[in-house]
Amino acid sequence: MNERVSSSSASAKKSVIEVLAGHGKKALFATQLLAGLRRYNLDKDVMDQALAELEADSVVVLRDHFCADPHLAEVDLRVVALLERSPVEEAYAAALREIDLAWNQWLGEYLANHKCG
């Protein structure tokens, strides 16, 4: 059973990396990543476990965001980026830039189009 879980975990991590790599260097919201993982039949819990392991192994950077809008109270606003194979400091800086770009673009569009009444 342990071997099966280990194999399943490795497969899930590989799938997460494939989806992220398929978007170039761009960061994805966790919901976008989950949508990309549907073809691998992975659910949110498996994705979350794979992301935690990949983050611990310094393969991805995951940043959680917050928006005070009550309509977003239960929305997953995490953004994830794949770390490049370069010096650690440069890789983290590049990943954080991509995360910030994705977040700022989404937030700008959201604020420009959302009408709270």
Protein backbone atom coordinates (compact mmCIF):
# COMPACT_ATOMS: atom_id res chain seq x y z
CA MET A 1 0.00 0.00 0.00
CA ASN A 2 2.82 2.44 0.81
CA GLU A 3 4.33 1.83 -2.61
CA ARG A 4 0.98 2.62 -4.24
CA VAL A 5 0.63 5.87 -2.28
CA SER A 6 4.21 6.84 -3.15
CA SER A 7 3.59 6.07 -6.83
CA SER A 8 0.34 8.02 -6.76
CA SER A 9 2.07 10.99 -5.08
CA ALA A 10 4.88 10.95 -7.64
CA SER A 11 2.35 10.78 -10.47
CA ALA A 12 0.37 13.70 -9.04
CA LYS A 13 3.51 15.81 -8.65
CA LYS A 14 4.56 14.99 -12.21
CA SER A 15 1.12 16.03 -13.47
CA VAL A 16 1.27 19.33 -11.58
CA ILE A 17 4.70 20.06 -13.06
CA GLU A 18 3.49 19.18 -16.58
CA VAL A 19 0.52 21.54 -16.33
CA LEU A 20 2.64 24.39 -14.96
CA ALA A 21 5.38 23.81 -17.52
CA GLY A 22 2.77 23.83 -20.27
CA HIS A 23 2.11 27.49 -19.50
CA GLY A 24 5.70 28.56 -19.92
CA LYS A 25 6.98 30.65 -17.08
CA LYS A 26 3.56 32.04 -16.26
CA ALA A 27 2.08 31.59 -12.81
CA LEU A 28 -1.37 30.05 -12.45
CA PHE A 29 -4.09 30.45 -9.91
CA ALA A 30 -4.72 27.20 -8.04
CA THR A 31 -8.15 27.04 -9.68
CA GLN A 32 -6.52 27.25 -13.14
CA LEU A 33 -4.06 24.54 -12.18
CA LEU A 34 -6.90 22.35 -10.92
CA ALA A 35 -8.74 22.82 -14.22
CA GLY A 36 -5.60 21.72 -16.07
CA LEU A 37 -5.33 18.66 -13.83
CA ARG A 38 -8.80 17.41 -14.74
CA ARG A 39 -7.35 15.49 -17.68
CA TYR A 40 -5.28 13.54 -15.12
CA ASN A 41 -8.36 12.90 -12.95
CA LEU A 42 -6.80 14.65 -9.96
CA ASP A 43 -8.99 16.33 -7.39
CA LYS A 44 -8.26 19.35 -5.19
CA ASP A 45 -7.03 17.32 -2.21
CA VAL A 46 -4.50 15.45 -4.34
CA MET A 47 -3.40 18.70 -5.98
CA ASP A 48 -2.97 20.35 -2.58
CA GLN A 49 -0.85 17.45 -1.32
CA ALA A 50 1.29 17.51 -4.47
CA LEU A 51 1.74 21.30 -4.18
CA ALA A 52 2.79 21.00 -0.53
CA GLU A 53 5.39 18.37 -1.42
CA LEU A 54 6.64 20.30 -4.45
CA GLU A 55 6.92 23.48 -2.40
CA ALA A 56 8.85 21.61 0.31
CA ASP A 57 11.18 20.29 -2.41
CA SER A 58 11.67 23.83 -3.82
CA VAL A 59 10.09 22.93 -7.15
CA VAL A 60 7.25 25.47 -6.97
CA VAL A 61 6.48 28.70 -5.16
CA LEU A 62 2.97 29.04 -3.80
CA ARG A 63 1.58 32.32 -2.54
CA ASP A 64 -1.79 32.77 -0.90
CA HIS A 65 -3.61 36.05 -1.50
CA PHE A 66 -6.48 37.81 0.23
CA CYS A 67 -9.15 40.14 -1.05
CA ALA A 68 -11.48 41.78 1.46
CA ASP A 69 -14.47 41.51 -0.88
CA PRO A 70 -17.10 39.31 0.85
CA HIS A 71 -17.92 37.71 -2.51
CA LEU A 72 -14.45 36.16 -2.46
CA ALA A 73 -14.56 34.80 1.09
CA GLU A 74 -14.46 31.16 0.01
CA VAL A 75 -12.49 31.59 -3.22
CA ASP A 76 -9.06 29.97 -3.53
CA LEU A 77 -6.76 32.88 -4.39
CA ARG A 78 -3.48 30.98 -4.25
CA VAL A 79 -1.09 31.52 -7.15
CA VAL A 80 1.63 29.00 -8.01
CA ALA A 81 4.72 29.22 -10.21
CA LEU A 82 7.27 26.65 -11.25
CA LEU A 83 10.84 27.38 -10.18
CA GLU A 84 13.35 27.56 -13.00
CA ARG A 85 16.55 25.57 -12.86
CA SER A 86 18.85 28.47 -12.17
CA PRO A 87 20.53 29.92 -9.09
CA VAL A 88 18.07 29.70 -6.21
CA GLU A 89 17.79 33.43 -5.55
CA GLU A 90 17.17 34.21 -9.22
CA ALA A 91 14.65 31.37 -9.57
CA TYR A 92 12.63 32.53 -6.55
CA ALA A 93 12.73 36.14 -7.70
CA ALA A 94 11.50 35.15 -11.18
CA ALA A 95 8.73 32.97 -9.73
CA LEU A 96 7.59 35.72 -7.39
CA ARG A 97 7.53 38.21 -10.29
CA GLU A 98 5.30 35.85 -12.27
CA ILE A 99 3.03 35.35 -9.27
CA ASP A 100 2.77 39.11 -8.76
CA LEU A 101 2.04 39.65 -12.47
CA ALA A 102 -0.77 37.08 -12.42
CA TRP A 103 -2.23 38.47 -9.19
CA ASN A 104 -2.03 42.12 -10.24
CA GLN A 105 -3.60 41.41 -13.63
CA TRP A 106 -6.46 39.44 -12.08
CA LEU A 107 -7.02 41.98 -9.31
CA GLY A 108 -7.06 44.89 -11.76
CA GLU A 109 -9.61 43.14 -13.97
CA TYR A 110 -11.69 42.08 -10.99
CA LEU A 111 -11.82 45.56 -9.47
CA ALA A 112 -12.56 47.17 -12.85
CA ASN A 113 -15.51 44.85 -13.50
CA HIS A 114 -16.95 43.94 -10.10
CA LYS A 115 -19.80 46.04 -8.80
CA CYS A 116 -20.64 45.56 -5.13
CA GLY A 117 -23.99 46.97 -4.32
